[in-house]
Amino acid sequence: MSYIPKDNSEKKKPYRTKKKKKFIYITIALIFIAILIILLRRDAPPILEISPISLNFGDKQTEMEFTIKNTAKAEGFFRPDVKNLNFEIENKKTPIGLPLNL
């Protein structure tokens, strides 16, 4: 005599467990990828650029301008934005006759 199950539920158990394991592995892999992306995404560091590099006042010129700017660029998916450029201009060591207008 052979054993015949009353319904097909006993035959489907191995298939269901394989399907559940596959679902769990895929879910863990997707969570790992999401965490990795979140950790790798960083804003690009700021790059200070001053132009012109030097100022030559000569004998008669009393005013000259220079520009300070952040030249960093966001590059791709892992560098979505650029960090703010924070700087200070210290004018304690400038000559008395040379005021700085900030």
Foldseek 3Di string as FASTA:
>chain_A
DDDDDPDCPVVCVVVVVVVVVVVVVVVVVVVVVVVVLVVQADAAEWDWDKPPPDDDCPDPRQDDDMDIDTPDDQDDDSHRHHDDDDDDDDCPPPDPSRDDDD
